[in-house]
């Protein structure tokens, strides 16, 4: 089985757009949601997290139990109901950040794409997105000792950033991508990313992705 490509980041960072680009260029993704998250693999992550989170909001990566059969479970899904045959395959999910040691143990040579976005933009997007309700709940704000939803999301982002640092310091094979650079027409990181994962650039990337960036461009123009 080919080395996997794992795409992760804080929610609302632009990881879906990066996954879409890899899909355009031929990476196998299996059966996914509209957010490009493999349904079976995400459910497996959710089950693991729910059984290990112990009442907190986020996993402590330094206290994780590592299932030795995790790789076996993944490949059973991919080779079974997903009918994976060959070539680069990807899994995009923000939950990967919380449980990165599990996936790193199973696939030590995997290539990780960490998607980043400015903190203020993530917070604004989370607060405007209907299903992002974690810190609208007072009980969750109390758990992390913050008073407002905005401060809750800021705390959440910092938790993810600390895990990004862990990954880098441990030597996980990763590349950091800032999708917002595409807003100004800078696709250099995308060229480099595709070459790194062994995929070829396609003209369909700009044709498909560029129209999706127009809203962000209008926002940038408003602020300048």
N, C-alpha and C. Protein backbone atom coordinates (compact mmCIF):
# COMPACT_ATOMS: atom_id res chain seq x y z
N UNK A 1 0.85 -1.20 0.00
CA UNK A 1 0.00 0.00 0.00
C UNK A 1 0.88 1.25 0.00
N UNK A 2 0.53 2.22 -0.86
CA UNK A 2 1.32 3.45 -0.95
C UNK A 2 1.29 4.24 0.34
N UNK A 3 2.30 5.07 0.53
CA UNK A 3 2.33 5.93 1.71
C UNK A 3 1.14 6.89 1.68
N UNK A 4 0.49 7.08 2.81
CA UNK A 4 -0.68 7.96 2.85
C UNK A 4 -0.31 9.44 2.96
N UNK A 5 -1.29 10.26 2.65
CA UNK A 5 -1.19 11.71 2.82
C UNK A 5 -2.23 12.09 3.85
N UNK A 6 -1.81 12.64 4.98
CA UNK A 6 -2.74 13.06 6.02
C UNK A 6 -2.85 14.58 6.01
N UNK A 7 -4.07 15.08 5.95
CA UNK A 7 -4.33 16.53 5.90
C UNK A 7 -5.07 16.91 7.17
N UNK A 8 -4.52 17.85 7.91
CA UNK A 8 -5.16 18.23 9.17
C UNK A 8 -4.93 19.70 9.47
N UNK A 9 -5.60 20.19 10.49
CA UNK A 9 -5.50 21.58 10.89
C UNK A 9 -6.67 21.93 11.78
N UNK A 10 -6.66 23.12 12.32
CA UNK A 10 -7.81 23.59 13.10
C UNK A 10 -9.01 23.69 12.16
N UNK A 11 -10.18 23.39 12.69
CA UNK A 11 -11.38 23.56 11.90
C UNK A 11 -11.44 24.97 11.30
N UNK A 12 -11.98 25.10 10.09
CA UNK A 12 -12.16 26.37 9.38
C UNK A 12 -10.83 26.97 8.93
N UNK A 13 -9.83 26.12 8.73
CA UNK A 13 -8.52 26.62 8.29
C UNK A 13 -8.33 26.56 6.78
N UNK A 14 -9.16 25.78 6.10
CA UNK A 14 -9.00 25.62 4.67
C UNK A 14 -8.53 24.25 4.26
N UNK A 15 -8.58 23.28 5.17
CA UNK A 15 -8.11 21.93 4.85
C UNK A 15 -8.99 21.26 3.81
N UNK A 16 -10.27 21.61 3.77
CA UNK A 16 -11.15 21.04 2.75
C UNK A 16 -10.69 21.44 1.36
N UNK A 17 -10.27 22.68 1.21
CA UNK A 17 -9.80 23.15 -0.09
C UNK A 17 -8.53 22.41 -0.50
N UNK A 18 -7.64 22.16 0.45
CA UNK A 18 -6.42 21.42 0.14
C UNK A 18 -6.76 19.99 -0.26
N UNK A 19 -7.70 19.38 0.45
CA UNK A 19 -8.12 18.02 0.10
C UNK A 19 -8.75 17.99 -1.28
N UNK A 20 -9.50 19.02 -1.60
CA UNK A 20 -10.13 19.11 -2.92
C UNK A 20 -9.06 19.16 -4.03
N UNK A 21 -8.00 19.90 -3.77
CA UNK A 21 -6.91 20.00 -4.74
C UNK A 21 -6.25 18.64 -4.95
N UNK A 22 -5.99 17.91 -3.85
CA UNK A 22 -5.38 16.59 -3.97
C UNK A 22 -6.31 15.62 -4.70
N UNK A 23 -7.60 15.77 -4.46
CA UNK A 23 -8.58 14.94 -5.16
C UNK A 23 -8.55 15.22 -6.67
N UNK A 24 -8.50 16.50 -7.03
CA UNK A 24 -8.41 16.88 -8.44
C UNK A 24 -7.20 16.24 -9.10
N UNK A 25 -6.12 16.13 -8.34
CA UNK A 25 -4.86 15.62 -8.90
C UNK A 25 -4.72 14.10 -8.79
N UNK A 26 -5.77 13.43 -8.29
CA UNK A 26 -5.79 11.98 -8.36
C UNK A 26 -5.55 11.20 -7.10
N UNK A 27 -5.43 11.85 -5.93
CA UNK A 27 -5.26 11.10 -4.69
C UNK A 27 -6.56 10.36 -4.35
N UNK A 28 -6.44 9.11 -3.94
CA UNK A 28 -7.62 8.32 -3.58
C UNK A 28 -8.16 8.79 -2.24
N UNK A 29 -9.47 9.03 -2.17
CA UNK A 29 -10.06 9.51 -0.92
C UNK A 29 -11.15 8.59 -0.39
N UNK A 30 -11.66 7.70 -1.22
CA UNK A 30 -12.75 6.83 -0.79
C UNK A 30 -14.06 7.58 -0.71
N UNK A 31 -14.99 7.05 0.07
CA UNK A 31 -16.31 7.65 0.23
C UNK A 31 -16.25 8.75 1.27
N UNK A 32 -16.53 9.97 0.86
CA UNK A 32 -16.34 11.11 1.76
C UNK A 32 -17.61 11.92 1.94
N UNK A 33 -17.57 12.77 2.94
CA UNK A 33 -18.61 13.78 3.15
C UNK A 33 -18.33 14.94 2.19
N UNK A 34 -19.19 15.96 2.22
CA UNK A 34 -18.95 17.15 1.40
C UNK A 34 -17.70 17.90 1.85
N UNK A 35 -17.20 17.58 3.05
CA UNK A 35 -15.98 18.20 3.57
C UNK A 35 -14.74 17.38 3.23
N UNK A 36 -14.89 16.41 2.35
CA UNK A 36 -13.78 15.56 1.89
C UNK A 36 -13.19 14.72 3.01
N UNK A 37 -14.00 14.35 4.00
CA UNK A 37 -13.54 13.48 5.07
C UNK A 37 -14.07 12.07 4.81
N UNK A 38 -13.17 11.10 4.75
CA UNK A 38 -13.59 9.72 4.55
C UNK A 38 -14.51 9.31 5.70
N UNK A 39 -15.70 8.87 5.36
CA UNK A 39 -16.73 8.61 6.36
C UNK A 39 -16.32 7.51 7.34
N UNK A 40 -15.84 6.38 6.82
CA UNK A 40 -15.47 5.25 7.67
C UNK A 40 -14.28 5.59 8.56
N UNK A 41 -13.28 6.24 8.00
CA UNK A 41 -12.08 6.57 8.78
C UNK A 41 -12.39 7.61 9.86
N UNK A 42 -13.24 8.57 9.53
CA UNK A 42 -13.59 9.57 10.53
C UNK A 42 -14.38 8.94 11.68
N UNK A 43 -15.28 8.03 11.36
CA UNK A 43 -16.03 7.36 12.42
C UNK A 43 -15.10 6.57 13.33
N UNK A 44 -14.07 5.97 12.75
CA UNK A 44 -13.09 5.25 13.55
C UNK A 44 -12.36 6.20 14.50
N UNK A 45 -12.00 7.39 14.00
CA UNK A 45 -11.35 8.40 14.84
C UNK A 45 -12.28 8.86 15.96
N UNK A 46 -13.52 9.11 15.63
CA UNK A 46 -14.48 9.59 16.63
C UNK A 46 -14.67 8.57 17.74
N UNK A 47 -14.71 7.29 17.39
CA UNK A 47 -14.86 6.25 18.41
C UNK A 47 -13.64 6.21 19.32
N UNK A 48 -12.46 6.35 18.71
CA UNK A 48 -11.24 6.34 19.52
C UNK A 48 -11.22 7.53 20.48
N UNK A 49 -11.54 8.71 19.97
CA UNK A 49 -11.51 9.91 20.80
C UNK A 49 -12.54 9.83 21.92
N UNK A 50 -13.75 9.40 21.60
CA UNK A 50 -14.80 9.34 22.62
C UNK A 50 -14.44 8.38 23.75
N UNK A 51 -13.64 7.36 23.46
CA UNK A 51 -13.25 6.39 24.49
C UNK A 51 -11.98 6.80 25.24
N UNK A 52 -11.33 7.90 24.82
CA UNK A 52 -10.08 8.31 25.45
C UNK A 52 -10.08 9.74 25.98
N UNK A 53 -11.12 10.50 25.69
CA UNK A 53 -11.08 11.92 26.03
C UNK A 53 -11.28 12.18 27.52
N UNK A 54 -11.94 11.27 28.21
CA UNK A 54 -12.06 11.34 29.68
C UNK A 54 -12.62 12.65 30.21
N UNK A 55 -13.67 13.14 29.58
CA UNK A 55 -14.37 14.32 30.09
C UNK A 55 -13.78 15.65 29.68
N UNK A 56 -12.61 15.67 29.08
CA UNK A 56 -12.03 16.93 28.63
C UNK A 56 -12.50 17.23 27.22
N UNK A 57 -12.09 18.37 26.68
CA UNK A 57 -12.53 18.75 25.34
C UNK A 57 -11.58 18.27 24.26
N UNK A 58 -10.36 17.92 24.64
CA UNK A 58 -9.37 17.55 23.63
C UNK A 58 -8.43 16.49 24.22
N UNK A 59 -7.96 15.60 23.38
CA UNK A 59 -7.09 14.53 23.85
C UNK A 59 -5.73 15.07 24.29
N UNK A 60 -5.19 14.48 25.32
CA UNK A 60 -3.82 14.75 25.76
C UNK A 60 -2.92 13.78 25.00
N UNK A 61 -2.19 14.26 24.02
CA UNK A 61 -1.40 13.39 23.15
C UNK A 61 -0.28 12.66 23.90
N UNK A 62 0.09 13.19 25.05
CA UNK A 62 1.17 12.55 25.81
C UNK A 62 0.67 11.38 26.66
N UNK A 63 -0.65 11.21 26.72
CA UNK A 63 -1.23 10.14 27.54
C UNK A 63 -2.02 9.13 26.71
N UNK A 64 -1.81 9.11 25.41
CA UNK A 64 -2.60 8.25 24.55
C UNK A 64 -2.14 6.80 24.61
N UNK A 65 -3.12 5.90 24.53
CA UNK A 65 -2.81 4.49 24.32
C UNK A 65 -2.75 4.27 22.80
N UNK A 66 -1.75 3.57 22.34
CA UNK A 66 -1.55 3.37 20.91
C UNK A 66 -2.04 1.98 20.52
N UNK A 67 -3.14 1.88 19.79
CA UNK A 67 -3.62 0.56 19.34
C UNK A 67 -2.65 -0.03 18.31
N UNK A 68 -2.09 -1.19 18.60
CA UNK A 68 -1.10 -1.78 17.69
C UNK A 68 -1.75 -2.28 16.40
N UNK A 69 -3.07 -2.44 16.41
CA UNK A 69 -3.74 -2.93 15.21
C UNK A 69 -4.42 -1.80 14.44
N UNK A 70 -4.02 -0.55 14.72
CA UNK A 70 -4.66 0.60 14.04
C UNK A 70 -4.47 0.52 12.53
N UNK A 71 -3.26 0.22 12.10
CA UNK A 71 -3.00 0.12 10.66
C UNK A 71 -3.84 -0.97 10.03
N UNK A 72 -3.98 -2.06 10.74
CA UNK A 72 -4.79 -3.17 10.23
C UNK A 72 -6.25 -2.74 10.05
N UNK A 73 -6.76 -1.95 10.99
CA UNK A 73 -8.13 -1.46 10.89
C UNK A 73 -8.30 -0.55 9.68
N UNK A 74 -7.32 0.34 9.47
CA UNK A 74 -7.39 1.28 8.36
C UNK A 74 -7.39 0.54 7.03
N UNK A 75 -6.48 -0.38 6.90
CA UNK A 75 -6.33 -1.07 5.62
C UNK A 75 -7.48 -2.03 5.35
N UNK A 76 -8.11 -2.51 6.41
CA UNK A 76 -9.31 -3.32 6.23
C UNK A 76 -10.43 -2.49 5.61
N UNK A 77 -10.53 -1.23 6.05
CA UNK A 77 -11.54 -0.33 5.49
C UNK A 77 -11.20 0.02 4.04
N UNK A 78 -9.95 0.41 3.80
CA UNK A 78 -9.57 0.86 2.47
C UNK A 78 -9.63 -0.27 1.44
N UNK A 79 -9.15 -1.44 1.82
CA UNK A 79 -9.11 -2.55 0.88
C UNK A 79 -10.43 -3.29 0.79
N UNK A 80 -11.31 -3.02 1.77
CA UNK A 80 -12.61 -3.68 1.77
C UNK A 80 -13.68 -2.86 1.10
N UNK A 81 -14.47 -2.13 1.90
CA UNK A 81 -15.61 -1.39 1.36
C UNK A 81 -15.19 -0.24 0.45
N UNK A 82 -13.96 0.28 0.61
CA UNK A 82 -13.53 1.40 -0.23
C UNK A 82 -12.89 0.94 -1.55
N UNK A 83 -12.53 -0.33 -1.63
CA UNK A 83 -11.98 -0.90 -2.86
C UNK A 83 -10.73 -0.16 -3.36
N UNK A 84 -9.89 0.26 -2.43
CA UNK A 84 -8.63 0.90 -2.81
C UNK A 84 -7.73 -0.10 -3.51
N UNK A 85 -7.09 0.33 -4.60
CA UNK A 85 -6.21 -0.56 -5.36
C UNK A 85 -4.76 -0.13 -5.28
N UNK A 86 -4.48 1.11 -5.69
CA UNK A 86 -3.09 1.54 -5.77
C UNK A 86 -3.03 3.05 -5.87
N UNK A 87 -1.83 3.60 -5.72
CA UNK A 87 -1.64 5.03 -5.87
C UNK A 87 -1.74 5.79 -4.55
N UNK A 88 -1.41 7.08 -4.55
CA UNK A 88 -1.49 7.88 -3.33
C UNK A 88 -2.90 7.92 -2.77
N UNK A 89 -3.04 7.76 -1.46
CA UNK A 89 -4.35 7.89 -0.82
C UNK A 89 -4.27 8.92 0.29
N UNK A 90 -5.38 9.60 0.53
CA UNK A 90 -5.38 10.69 1.50
C UNK A 90 -6.51 10.52 2.51
N UNK A 91 -6.28 11.10 3.67
CA UNK A 91 -7.33 11.20 4.69
C UNK A 91 -7.24 12.59 5.28
N UNK A 92 -8.30 13.35 5.13
CA UNK A 92 -8.36 14.71 5.67
C UNK A 92 -9.29 14.72 6.87
N UNK A 93 -8.81 15.22 8.00
CA UNK A 93 -9.65 15.29 9.20
C UNK A 93 -8.94 16.12 10.26
N UNK A 94 -9.66 17.05 10.89
CA UNK A 94 -9.04 17.84 11.95
C UNK A 94 -8.72 16.96 13.16
N UNK A 95 -9.44 15.86 13.34
CA UNK A 95 -9.20 14.98 14.49
C UNK A 95 -7.83 14.33 14.44
N UNK A 96 -7.22 14.27 13.28
CA UNK A 96 -5.88 13.71 13.16
C UNK A 96 -4.90 14.44 14.07
N UNK A 97 -5.09 15.75 14.24
CA UNK A 97 -4.18 16.53 15.09
C UNK A 97 -4.24 16.04 16.53
N UNK A 98 -5.43 15.73 17.00
CA UNK A 98 -5.59 15.31 18.39
C UNK A 98 -4.97 13.94 18.66
N UNK A 99 -4.94 13.09 17.66
CA UNK A 99 -4.47 11.72 17.87
C UNK A 99 -3.32 11.38 16.94
N UNK A 100 -2.50 12.38 16.64
CA UNK A 100 -1.43 12.16 15.67
C UNK A 100 -0.46 11.04 16.06
N UNK A 101 -0.17 10.80 17.37
CA UNK A 101 0.76 9.70 17.69
C UNK A 101 0.24 8.34 17.24
N UNK A 102 -1.08 8.16 17.25
CA UNK A 102 -1.67 6.89 16.83
C UNK A 102 -1.40 6.65 15.34
N UNK A 103 -1.65 7.68 14.54
CA UNK A 103 -1.47 7.57 13.10
C UNK A 103 0.01 7.52 12.72
N UNK A 104 0.82 8.23 13.47
CA UNK A 104 2.27 8.23 13.20
C UNK A 104 2.87 6.86 13.51
N UNK A 105 2.37 6.21 14.54
CA UNK A 105 2.84 4.86 14.88
C UNK A 105 2.48 3.89 13.76
N UNK A 106 1.26 4.01 13.24
CA UNK A 106 0.80 3.10 12.20
C UNK A 106 1.48 3.36 10.86
N UNK A 107 1.72 4.66 10.58
CA UNK A 107 2.31 5.05 9.29
C UNK A 107 3.46 6.04 9.52
N UNK A 108 4.60 5.55 9.99
CA UNK A 108 5.72 6.46 10.31
C UNK A 108 6.27 7.21 9.11
N UNK A 109 6.04 6.71 7.91
CA UNK A 109 6.55 7.37 6.71
C UNK A 109 5.48 8.18 5.96
N UNK A 110 4.34 8.36 6.58
CA UNK A 110 3.27 9.14 5.95
C UNK A 110 3.70 10.59 5.77
N UNK A 111 3.06 11.25 4.82
CA UNK A 111 3.30 12.68 4.61
C UNK A 111 2.11 13.45 5.16
N UNK A 112 2.42 14.39 6.04
CA UNK A 112 1.39 15.17 6.74
C UNK A 112 1.35 16.58 6.17
N UNK A 113 0.17 17.05 5.86
CA UNK A 113 -0.03 18.43 5.45
C UNK A 113 -0.78 19.14 6.58
N UNK A 114 -0.11 20.09 7.21
CA UNK A 114 -0.72 20.87 8.29
C UNK A 114 -1.20 22.19 7.69
N UNK A 115 -2.50 22.41 7.73
CA UNK A 115 -3.10 23.59 7.11
C UNK A 115 -3.25 24.68 8.16
N UNK A 116 -2.74 25.86 7.85
CA UNK A 116 -2.76 26.97 8.80
C UNK A 116 -3.59 28.14 8.26
N UNK A 117 -4.06 28.95 9.18
CA UNK A 117 -4.81 30.17 8.85
C UNK A 117 -4.64 31.14 10.00
N UNK A 118 -4.77 32.43 9.72
CA UNK A 118 -4.63 33.43 10.78
C UNK A 118 -5.66 33.19 11.88
N UNK A 119 -5.19 33.32 13.13
CA UNK A 119 -6.04 33.03 14.29
C UNK A 119 -7.34 33.81 14.26
N UNK A 120 -7.26 35.10 14.00
CA UNK A 120 -8.47 35.93 14.00
C UNK A 120 -9.47 35.48 12.96
N UNK A 121 -8.98 35.04 11.80
CA UNK A 121 -9.88 34.58 10.74
C UNK A 121 -10.55 33.26 11.12
N UNK A 122 -9.80 32.37 11.79
CA UNK A 122 -10.41 31.12 12.24
C UNK A 122 -11.50 31.40 13.26
N UNK A 123 -11.20 32.26 14.23
CA UNK A 123 -12.19 32.58 15.26
C UNK A 123 -13.44 33.17 14.64
N UNK A 124 -13.28 34.11 13.75
CA UNK A 124 -14.42 34.74 13.09
C UNK A 124 -15.25 33.71 12.33
N UNK A 125 -14.58 32.81 11.62
CA UNK A 125 -15.29 31.80 10.86
C UNK A 125 -16.03 30.83 11.76
N UNK A 126 -15.39 30.40 12.85
CA UNK A 126 -16.03 29.47 13.79
C UNK A 126 -17.29 30.09 14.40
N UNK A 127 -17.21 31.37 14.74
CA UNK A 127 -18.34 32.03 15.40
C UNK A 127 -19.51 32.26 14.43
N UNK A 128 -19.20 32.30 13.13
CA UNK A 128 -20.24 32.53 12.14
C UNK A 128 -20.81 31.23 11.57
N UNK A 129 -20.16 30.10 11.85
CA UNK A 129 -20.57 28.83 11.28
C UNK A 129 -21.52 28.13 12.24
N UNK A 130 -22.71 27.82 11.76
CA UNK A 130 -23.78 27.31 12.62
C UNK A 130 -23.43 26.06 13.39
N UNK A 131 -22.74 25.11 12.76
CA UNK A 131 -22.48 23.84 13.44
C UNK A 131 -21.28 23.90 14.38
N UNK A 132 -20.54 25.01 14.38
CA UNK A 132 -19.41 25.16 15.30
C UNK A 132 -19.93 25.73 16.62
N UNK A 133 -20.43 24.87 17.48
CA UNK A 133 -21.15 25.31 18.67
C UNK A 133 -20.42 25.01 19.98
N UNK A 134 -19.22 24.47 19.91
CA UNK A 134 -18.56 24.02 21.13
C UNK A 134 -18.51 25.09 22.22
N UNK A 135 -18.11 26.30 21.87
CA UNK A 135 -17.92 27.33 22.90
C UNK A 135 -19.10 28.29 23.00
N UNK A 136 -20.18 27.94 22.33
CA UNK A 136 -21.44 28.62 22.61
C UNK A 136 -22.04 28.07 23.91
N UNK A 137 -21.58 26.88 24.29
CA UNK A 137 -22.07 26.23 25.50
C UNK A 137 -21.25 26.67 26.72
N UNK A 138 -21.95 27.19 27.71
CA UNK A 138 -21.28 27.70 28.91
C UNK A 138 -20.46 26.63 29.61
N UNK A 139 -20.98 25.38 29.61
CA UNK A 139 -20.26 24.30 30.30
C UNK A 139 -18.88 24.08 29.69
N UNK A 140 -18.77 24.20 28.39
CA UNK A 140 -17.48 24.01 27.74
C UNK A 140 -16.55 25.19 28.00
N UNK A 141 -17.12 26.39 28.06
CA UNK A 141 -16.29 27.55 28.38
C UNK A 141 -15.73 27.43 29.80
N UNK A 142 -16.55 26.92 30.70
CA UNK A 142 -16.10 26.74 32.08
C UNK A 142 -14.98 25.70 32.18
N UNK A 143 -15.04 24.67 31.35
CA UNK A 143 -14.02 23.63 31.38
C UNK A 143 -12.63 24.17 31.08
N UNK A 144 -12.58 25.20 30.25
CA UNK A 144 -11.27 25.74 29.87
C UNK A 144 -11.03 27.13 30.46
N UNK A 145 -11.94 27.52 31.37
CA UNK A 145 -11.78 28.75 32.14
C UNK A 145 -11.72 30.00 31.26
N UNK A 146 -12.69 30.12 30.35
CA UNK A 146 -12.81 31.33 29.53
C UNK A 146 -14.22 31.86 29.67
N UNK A 147 -14.38 33.16 29.41
CA UNK A 147 -15.67 33.80 29.61
C UNK A 147 -16.49 33.92 28.33
N UNK A 148 -15.82 33.99 27.20
CA UNK A 148 -16.54 34.25 25.95
C UNK A 148 -16.28 33.15 24.92
N UNK A 149 -17.18 33.08 23.94
CA UNK A 149 -17.00 32.13 22.84
C UNK A 149 -15.70 32.42 22.09
N UNK A 150 -15.43 33.68 21.87
CA UNK A 150 -14.21 34.06 21.16
C UNK A 150 -12.97 33.54 21.88
N UNK A 151 -12.93 33.72 23.20
CA UNK A 151 -11.78 33.23 23.96
C UNK A 151 -11.71 31.71 23.96
N UNK A 152 -12.87 31.06 23.88
CA UNK A 152 -12.90 29.61 23.80
C UNK A 152 -12.23 29.11 22.53
N UNK A 153 -12.57 29.73 21.40
CA UNK A 153 -11.95 29.31 20.14
C UNK A 153 -10.46 29.66 20.11
N UNK A 154 -10.09 30.76 20.75
CA UNK A 154 -8.66 31.10 20.83
C UNK A 154 -7.90 30.01 21.61
N UNK A 155 -8.51 29.55 22.71
CA UNK A 155 -7.91 28.47 23.49
C UNK A 155 -7.78 27.23 22.63
N UNK A 156 -8.80 26.90 21.88
CA UNK A 156 -8.82 25.71 21.02
C UNK A 156 -7.70 25.77 19.99
N UNK A 157 -7.54 26.91 19.36
CA UNK A 157 -6.48 27.09 18.36
C UNK A 157 -5.11 26.87 18.99
N UNK A 158 -4.91 27.40 20.19
CA UNK A 158 -3.63 27.23 20.87
C UNK A 158 -3.34 25.76 21.18
N UNK A 159 -4.41 24.99 21.50
CA UNK A 159 -4.23 23.56 21.75
C UNK A 159 -3.73 22.86 20.49
N UNK A 160 -4.31 23.22 19.36
CA UNK A 160 -3.88 22.62 18.09
C UNK A 160 -2.46 23.04 17.74
N UNK A 161 -2.14 24.29 17.98
CA UNK A 161 -0.78 24.77 17.67
C UNK A 161 0.26 24.03 18.49
N UNK A 162 -0.07 23.71 19.74
CA UNK A 162 0.89 22.97 20.57
C UNK A 162 1.11 21.57 20.03
N UNK A 163 0.08 20.99 19.45
CA UNK A 163 0.21 19.66 18.86
C UNK A 163 0.97 19.71 17.54
N UNK A 164 0.81 20.80 16.80
CA UNK A 164 1.62 20.97 15.58
C UNK A 164 3.11 20.99 15.96
N UNK A 165 3.42 21.71 17.04
CA UNK A 165 4.82 21.79 17.49
C UNK A 165 5.34 20.40 17.90
N UNK A 166 4.50 19.63 18.59
CA UNK A 166 4.88 18.28 18.98
C UNK A 166 5.23 17.45 17.75
N UNK A 167 4.39 17.54 16.72
CA UNK A 167 4.61 16.77 15.51
C UNK A 167 5.95 17.13 14.86
N UNK A 168 6.19 18.43 14.77
CA UNK A 168 7.43 18.90 14.13
C UNK A 168 8.65 18.49 14.95
N UNK A 169 8.57 18.67 16.26
CA UNK A 169 9.71 18.34 17.13
C UNK A 169 9.98 16.84 17.18
N UNK A 170 8.94 16.03 16.98
CA UNK A 170 9.09 14.57 16.98
C UNK A 170 9.70 14.08 15.66
N UNK A 171 9.63 14.91 14.65
CA UNK A 171 10.18 14.52 13.36
C UNK A 171 9.17 13.95 12.39
N UNK A 172 7.89 14.23 12.64
CA UNK A 172 6.86 13.80 11.69
C UNK A 172 7.13 14.47 10.34
N UNK A 173 7.00 13.73 9.29
CA UNK A 173 7.27 14.24 7.94
C UNK A 173 6.10 15.13 7.50
N UNK A 174 6.23 16.42 7.71
CA UNK A 174 5.09 17.31 7.48
C UNK A 174 5.47 18.55 6.70
N UNK A 175 4.47 19.15 6.10
CA UNK A 175 4.62 20.40 5.36
C UNK A 175 3.47 21.31 5.77
N UNK A 176 3.79 22.58 6.04
CA UNK A 176 2.77 23.55 6.45
C UNK A 176 2.30 24.34 5.23
N UNK A 177 0.98 24.43 5.07
CA UNK A 177 0.39 25.12 3.94
C UNK A 177 -0.55 26.22 4.43
N UNK A 178 -0.45 27.39 3.82
CA UNK A 178 -1.34 28.52 4.13
C UNK A 178 -2.24 28.76 2.90
N UNK A 179 -3.45 28.19 2.86
CA UNK A 179 -4.32 28.34 1.70
C UNK A 179 -4.66 29.79 1.35
N UNK A 180 -4.62 30.69 2.34
CA UNK A 180 -5.00 32.08 2.08
C UNK A 180 -4.07 32.74 1.06
N UNK A 181 -2.88 32.17 0.84
CA UNK A 181 -1.99 32.74 -0.17
C UNK A 181 -2.59 32.63 -1.57
N UNK A 182 -3.48 31.66 -1.75
CA UNK A 182 -4.12 31.52 -3.05
C UNK A 182 -5.08 32.68 -3.33
N UNK A 183 -5.52 33.36 -2.28
CA UNK A 183 -6.42 34.50 -2.45
C UNK A 183 -5.75 35.58 -3.31
N UNK A 184 -4.44 35.74 -3.17
CA UNK A 184 -3.72 36.75 -3.96
C UNK A 184 -3.06 36.12 -5.19
N UNK A 185 -3.51 34.92 -5.53
CA UNK A 185 -3.02 34.27 -6.74
C UNK A 185 -1.69 33.56 -6.59
N UNK A 186 -1.24 33.35 -5.36
CA UNK A 186 0.04 32.70 -5.11
C UNK A 186 -0.20 31.20 -4.89
N UNK A 187 0.11 30.41 -5.89
CA UNK A 187 -0.07 28.96 -5.83
C UNK A 187 1.25 28.22 -5.62
N UNK A 188 2.32 28.93 -5.26
CA UNK A 188 3.64 28.31 -5.15
C UNK A 188 3.64 27.16 -4.14
N UNK A 189 3.02 27.37 -2.98
CA UNK A 189 3.00 26.31 -1.98
C UNK A 189 2.25 25.08 -2.50
N UNK A 190 1.25 25.30 -3.34
CA UNK A 190 0.48 24.19 -3.89
C UNK A 190 1.34 23.40 -4.87
N UNK A 191 2.09 24.10 -5.73
CA UNK A 191 3.03 23.42 -6.63
C UNK A 191 3.99 22.54 -5.82
N UNK A 192 4.58 23.13 -4.79
CA UNK A 192 5.56 22.41 -3.98
C UNK A 192 4.92 21.23 -3.25
N UNK A 193 3.72 21.42 -2.75
CA UNK A 193 3.02 20.36 -2.03
C UNK A 193 2.76 19.16 -2.95
N UNK A 194 2.26 19.44 -4.15
CA UNK A 194 1.95 18.36 -5.08
C UNK A 194 3.20 17.59 -5.48
N UNK A 195 4.29 18.31 -5.71
CA UNK A 195 5.55 17.64 -6.05
C UNK A 195 6.01 16.77 -4.88
N UNK A 196 5.84 17.26 -3.68
CA UNK A 196 6.27 16.56 -2.46
C UNK A 196 5.51 15.25 -2.27
N UNK A 197 4.20 15.24 -2.57
CA UNK A 197 3.40 14.03 -2.37
C UNK A 197 3.36 13.15 -3.61
N UNK A 198 4.03 13.57 -4.68
CA UNK A 198 4.12 12.74 -5.86
C UNK A 198 2.95 12.85 -6.81
N UNK A 199 2.28 14.01 -6.79
CA UNK A 199 1.16 14.25 -7.71
C UNK A 199 1.53 15.38 -8.67
N UNK A 200 0.84 15.43 -9.78
CA UNK A 200 1.14 16.44 -10.79
C UNK A 200 0.10 17.55 -10.77
N UNK A 201 0.59 18.77 -11.02
CA UNK A 201 -0.27 19.94 -11.13
C UNK A 201 -1.30 19.75 -12.26
N UNK A 202 -2.51 20.22 -12.03
CA UNK A 202 -3.55 20.17 -13.05
C UNK A 202 -4.14 21.56 -13.24
N UNK A 203 -4.42 21.94 -14.48
CA UNK A 203 -5.03 23.24 -14.75
C UNK A 203 -6.41 23.34 -14.12
N UNK A 204 -7.00 22.20 -13.80
CA UNK A 204 -8.33 22.20 -13.18
C UNK A 204 -8.30 22.81 -11.78
N UNK A 205 -7.10 22.86 -11.17
CA UNK A 205 -7.00 23.42 -9.83
C UNK A 205 -7.45 24.88 -9.84
N UNK A 206 -6.85 25.68 -10.70
CA UNK A 206 -7.22 27.10 -10.76
C UNK A 206 -8.66 27.25 -11.23
N UNK A 207 -9.07 26.46 -12.22
CA UNK A 207 -10.44 26.55 -12.75
C UNK A 207 -11.47 26.26 -11.67
N UNK A 208 -11.14 25.32 -10.78
CA UNK A 208 -12.09 24.90 -9.74
C UNK A 208 -11.98 25.73 -8.48
N UNK A 209 -10.76 25.98 -8.04
CA UNK A 209 -10.53 26.63 -6.75
C UNK A 209 -10.67 28.14 -6.82
N UNK A 210 -10.17 28.75 -7.89
CA UNK A 210 -10.15 30.22 -7.97
C UNK A 210 -11.53 30.86 -7.74
N UNK A 211 -12.59 30.34 -8.36
CA UNK A 211 -13.91 30.96 -8.11
C UNK A 211 -14.34 30.89 -6.65
N UNK A 212 -13.86 29.88 -5.92
CA UNK A 212 -14.23 29.73 -4.51
C UNK A 212 -13.55 30.78 -3.63
N UNK A 213 -12.51 31.42 -4.16
CA UNK A 213 -11.73 32.38 -3.38
C UNK A 213 -12.24 33.81 -3.52
N UNK A 214 -13.22 34.02 -4.39
CA UNK A 214 -13.68 35.39 -4.67
C UNK A 214 -14.23 36.09 -3.43
N UNK A 215 -14.94 35.34 -2.59
CA UNK A 215 -15.48 35.94 -1.36
C UNK A 215 -14.35 36.43 -0.46
N UNK A 216 -13.29 35.64 -0.34
CA UNK A 216 -12.14 36.04 0.47
C UNK A 216 -11.43 37.23 -0.14
N UNK A 217 -11.39 37.29 -1.46
CA UNK A 217 -10.74 38.43 -2.13
C UNK A 217 -11.51 39.71 -1.84
N UNK A 218 -12.83 39.64 -1.92
CA UNK A 218 -13.65 40.83 -1.64
C UNK A 218 -13.43 41.30 -0.21
N UNK A 219 -13.29 40.34 0.71
CA UNK A 219 -13.06 40.69 2.12
C UNK A 219 -11.71 41.39 2.28
N UNK A 220 -10.68 40.88 1.60
CA UNK A 220 -9.36 41.50 1.67
C UNK A 220 -9.38 42.91 1.09
N UNK A 221 -10.08 43.09 -0.01
CA UNK A 221 -10.16 44.41 -0.63
C UNK A 221 -10.90 45.40 0.29
N UNK A 222 -11.89 44.91 1.01
CA UNK A 222 -12.65 45.75 1.93
C UNK A 222 -11.76 46.28 3.05
N UNK A 223 -10.82 45.43 3.50
CA UNK A 223 -9.96 45.81 4.62
C UNK A 223 -8.77 46.65 4.19
N UNK A 224 -8.50 46.73 2.87
CA UNK A 224 -7.32 47.49 2.40
C UNK A 224 -7.70 48.79 1.76
